[in-house]
Every structure is written in C-alpha cells, then in structure tokens.
Protein backbone atom coordinates (compact mmCIF):
# COMPACT_ATOMS: atom_id res chain seq x y z
CA MET A 1 8.50 25.65 17.88
CA THR A 2 5.70 27.02 15.79
CA GLU A 3 2.16 25.77 15.30
CA LYS A 4 3.16 24.37 11.92
CA ASP A 5 5.69 22.07 13.58
CA HIS A 6 2.90 20.25 15.43
CA PRO A 7 -0.45 20.32 13.63
CA GLU A 8 -3.37 20.23 16.04
CA SER A 9 -5.52 17.79 14.06
CA ASP A 10 -5.24 15.06 11.46
CA GLU A 11 -7.06 17.31 9.02
CA GLU A 12 -4.37 19.99 9.29
CA ALA A 13 -1.69 17.32 8.82
CA ARG A 14 -3.43 16.06 5.68
CA GLU A 15 -3.60 19.60 4.27
CA GLU A 16 0.20 19.92 4.58
CA GLN A 17 0.84 16.63 2.72
CA SER A 18 1.64 16.61 -0.95
CA PRO A 19 -0.97 15.11 -3.30
CA GLY A 20 1.19 12.01 -3.66
CA ALA A 21 1.47 11.54 0.09
CA ALA A 22 -2.28 11.96 0.47
CA ALA A 23 -2.89 9.38 -2.26
CA LEU A 24 -0.49 6.95 -0.60
CA SER A 25 -2.25 7.53 2.71
CA ALA A 26 -5.59 6.77 1.08
CA ALA A 27 -4.16 3.60 -0.48
CA ALA A 28 -2.78 2.52 2.90
CA LYS A 29 -6.21 3.07 4.43
CA HIS A 30 -7.84 0.90 1.73
CA ALA A 31 -5.24 -1.81 2.29
CA GLN A 32 -5.84 -1.76 6.05
CA GLN A 33 -9.59 -2.03 5.48
CA ALA A 34 -9.01 -4.99 3.15
CA LEU A 35 -6.79 -6.64 5.76
CA ASP A 36 -9.41 -6.14 8.47
CA SER A 37 -12.06 -7.57 6.16
CA ALA A 38 -9.85 -10.56 5.37
CA LYS A 39 -9.34 -11.28 9.08
CA GLY A 40 -13.10 -11.39 9.53
CA VAL A 41 -13.55 -13.71 6.56
CA VAL A 42 -10.83 -16.12 7.64
CA SER A 43 -12.12 -16.45 11.18
CA GLY A 44 -15.22 -18.46 10.25
CA ALA A 45 -15.13 -19.57 6.63
CA ARG A 46 -14.09 -22.52 4.51
CA LEU A 47 -10.84 -22.30 2.56
CA ASP A 48 -12.62 -22.26 -0.83
CA ASP A 49 -14.67 -19.26 0.25
CA VAL A 50 -11.57 -17.53 1.61
CA GLY A 51 -9.72 -18.11 -1.67
CA ALA A 52 -12.56 -16.73 -3.75
CA LYS A 53 -12.94 -13.65 -1.58
CA ALA A 54 -9.17 -13.08 -1.47
CA SER A 55 -9.02 -13.26 -5.25
CA ALA A 56 -11.84 -10.74 -5.61
CA THR A 57 -10.25 -8.42 -3.05
CA ALA A 58 -6.85 -8.64 -4.75
CA SER A 59 -8.43 -7.83 -8.11
CA ASN A 60 -10.23 -4.83 -6.64
CA LEU A 61 -7.07 -3.53 -4.93
CA TYR A 62 -5.07 -3.96 -8.14
CA ARG A 63 -7.71 -2.11 -10.17
CA GLU A 64 -7.93 0.71 -7.61
CA GLY A 65 -4.14 1.01 -7.54
CA ARG A 66 -4.01 1.30 -11.32
CA GLU A 67 -6.72 3.96 -11.26
CA LEU A 68 -4.86 5.83 -8.53
CA LEU A 69 -1.64 5.79 -10.57
CA ALA A 70 -3.47 6.94 -13.68
CA SER A 71 -5.17 9.82 -11.89
CA ASN A 72 -2.13 11.14 -9.97
CA GLU A 73 0.78 12.51 -12.00
CA GLU A 74 3.22 12.50 -9.07
CA LEU A 75 2.56 8.82 -8.30
CA SER A 76 2.75 7.96 -11.99
CA GLN A 77 6.20 9.55 -12.25
CA ALA A 78 7.33 7.78 -9.07
CA ALA A 79 6.21 4.45 -10.55
CA GLU A 80 8.15 5.17 -13.76
CA HIS A 81 11.29 6.04 -11.78
CA LEU A 82 10.94 2.88 -9.72
CA SER A 83 10.52 0.75 -12.85
CA ALA A 84 13.60 2.33 -14.40
CA ALA A 85 15.64 1.70 -11.22
CA ILE A 86 14.56 -1.95 -11.19
CA ARG A 87 15.55 -2.35 -14.85
CA ARG A 88 19.00 -0.85 -14.13
CA ASN A 89 19.61 -3.05 -11.06
CA PRO A 90 17.43 -6.17 -11.23
CA LEU A 91 19.56 -8.25 -8.88
CA ALA A 92 19.53 -5.57 -6.19
CA ALA A 93 15.75 -5.20 -6.61
CA VAL A 94 15.24 -8.93 -6.09
CA GLY A 95 17.50 -8.86 -3.03
CA ILE A 96 15.61 -5.93 -1.53
CA ALA A 97 12.25 -7.60 -2.21
CA CYS A 98 13.40 -10.87 -0.60
CA SER A 99 14.80 -9.03 2.41
CA ALA A 100 11.60 -7.04 2.84
CA GLY A 101 9.52 -10.21 2.56
CA LEU A 102 11.66 -12.00 5.13
CA LEU A 103 11.47 -9.05 7.51
CA LEU A 104 7.69 -8.83 7.09
CA ALA A 105 7.35 -12.58 7.69
CA LEU A 106 9.46 -12.36 10.85
CA LEU A 107 7.49 -9.38 12.15
CA THR A 108 4.08 -10.96 11.52
CA ARG A 109 5.09 -14.40 12.76
CA GLY A 110 4.13 -13.62 16.23
C-alpha cells in the first residue's frame, strides 16, 4: 500500500476529494451543526419557540443549499440529473423516498 491509500490527516483527505465531495462534506457539517443546535433548543424551550427557531433554521439551510448549488457547477449538474431521473420515474422516486424515510425513522427511534 502507498501513502495515498491511507492519508495521514483529514486535511490530506480533503485535498484528494473532488470539489463536489468537499461541498457535500461542508453541507453535511452545517446540517450536523444545525441538528446539534436543535437538540439544545428542544431540551429546555416551549414548543412555540422551538417551532419558530426550527422554521428559521430550515429557511437558512434551504438558502445556503441553494447558494451552494448555484456556486458549484458539479453539484448543479448532479441536481439537474437527479431532477431528470425523478421526472422519468416518479413512482420509483416516491418509493425510494418513503423507504429511506422509514429506514431513517427506524434507525432514530431508539
């Protein structure tokens, strides 16, 4: 095995990623931060406050996602391909989404 097979640091691993993979990694990091923030909010707040903060967070994540897609050509093309695949096979797309939601619900249930 060579040194490139096992990068020594996270920084080296990030350098080897494509721009799209790096952007997805950054988006995942933002989503995890939002999730951590939401856990803190829910632990000691009223439901009205939680709803308002969740709405604001969702709006911010949506806006940041749109900006990310607009600024990254590779992600923009991937989004177009995904949209086209969904238009060609809408029933399969709904089935996949429902299956993924069910799996996520089962995994997070506890």
